[in-house]
């Protein structure tokens, strides 16, 4: 699965967020480190979401890209 990310550069390093996953952020000293870290953050975010949905009826739908 692919997610769009937003990259924020500052003197302290690089922060990355995933607009489609509110609150999903990570950071790193380099862009490469930040990208690896956001992949981990996405996996953890989705695992937590799956836990919260235990016992709830869920379905998947396909959305065509604009």
Protein backbone atom coordinates (compact mmCIF):
# COMPACT_ATOMS: atom_id res chain seq x y z
CA UNK A 1 0.00 0.00 0.00
CA UNK A 2 1.25 3.50 -0.75
CA UNK A 3 0.67 6.63 1.32
CA UNK A 4 1.42 10.24 0.47
CA UNK A 5 3.74 11.80 3.03
CA UNK A 6 4.59 15.38 3.87
CA UNK A 7 8.25 16.18 4.57
CA UNK A 8 9.25 19.06 6.84
CA UNK A 9 12.90 20.09 6.94
CA UNK A 10 14.42 22.11 9.77
CA UNK A 11 17.78 22.67 11.38
CA UNK A 12 16.98 19.89 13.88
CA UNK A 13 16.34 17.26 11.19
CA UNK A 14 13.46 16.01 9.10
CA UNK A 15 9.89 15.36 10.25
CA UNK A 16 7.43 13.35 8.19
CA UNK A 17 3.66 13.06 8.48
CA UNK A 18 1.02 11.01 6.72
CA UNK A 19 -1.97 13.28 5.95
CA UNK A 20 -4.28 10.27 5.42
CA UNK A 21 -3.44 8.96 8.92
CA UNK A 22 -4.07 11.80 11.39
CA UNK A 23 -1.44 11.90 14.11
CA UNK A 24 0.99 9.63 12.26
CA UNK A 25 4.36 11.41 12.46
CA UNK A 26 8.00 10.48 12.66
CA UNK A 27 11.39 12.08 12.25
CA UNK A 28 15.03 11.46 11.55
CA UNK A 29 18.38 13.18 11.27
CA UNK A 30 18.46 12.41 7.52
CA UNK A 31 15.77 11.93 4.90
CA UNK A 32 16.63 8.24 4.60
CA UNK A 33 16.28 7.77 8.37
CA UNK A 34 13.01 9.71 8.44
CA UNK A 35 11.57 7.56 5.65
CA UNK A 36 12.47 4.32 7.41
CA UNK A 37 11.01 5.70 10.65
CA UNK A 38 7.72 6.75 9.01
CA UNK A 39 7.32 3.26 7.53
CA UNK A 40 7.56 1.86 11.06
CA UNK A 41 5.15 4.51 12.33
CA UNK A 42 2.61 3.63 9.61
CA UNK A 43 2.79 -0.07 10.52
CA UNK A 44 2.30 0.72 14.21
CA UNK A 45 -0.56 3.13 13.43
CA UNK A 46 -2.37 0.52 11.35
CA UNK A 47 -1.84 -2.18 13.99
CA UNK A 48 -3.31 0.11 16.67
CA UNK A 49 -6.25 0.89 14.40
CA UNK A 50 -6.85 -2.82 13.86
CA UNK A 51 -6.89 -3.34 17.65
CA UNK A 52 -9.44 -0.55 18.10
CA UNK A 53 -11.71 -2.13 15.48
CA UNK A 54 -11.89 -5.53 17.18
CA UNK A 55 -15.53 -6.58 17.38
CA UNK A 56 -16.70 -3.91 14.94
CA UNK A 57 -18.11 -4.81 11.53
CA UNK A 58 -15.70 -3.48 8.90
CA UNK A 59 -15.63 -3.53 5.11
CA UNK A 60 -13.25 -2.40 2.41
CA UNK A 61 -14.21 -0.22 -0.54
CA UNK A 62 -12.25 0.79 -3.58
CA UNK A 63 -11.79 4.48 -4.29
CA UNK A 64 -10.58 5.48 -7.72
CA UNK A 65 -7.80 8.04 -7.91
CA UNK A 66 -8.69 11.49 -9.14
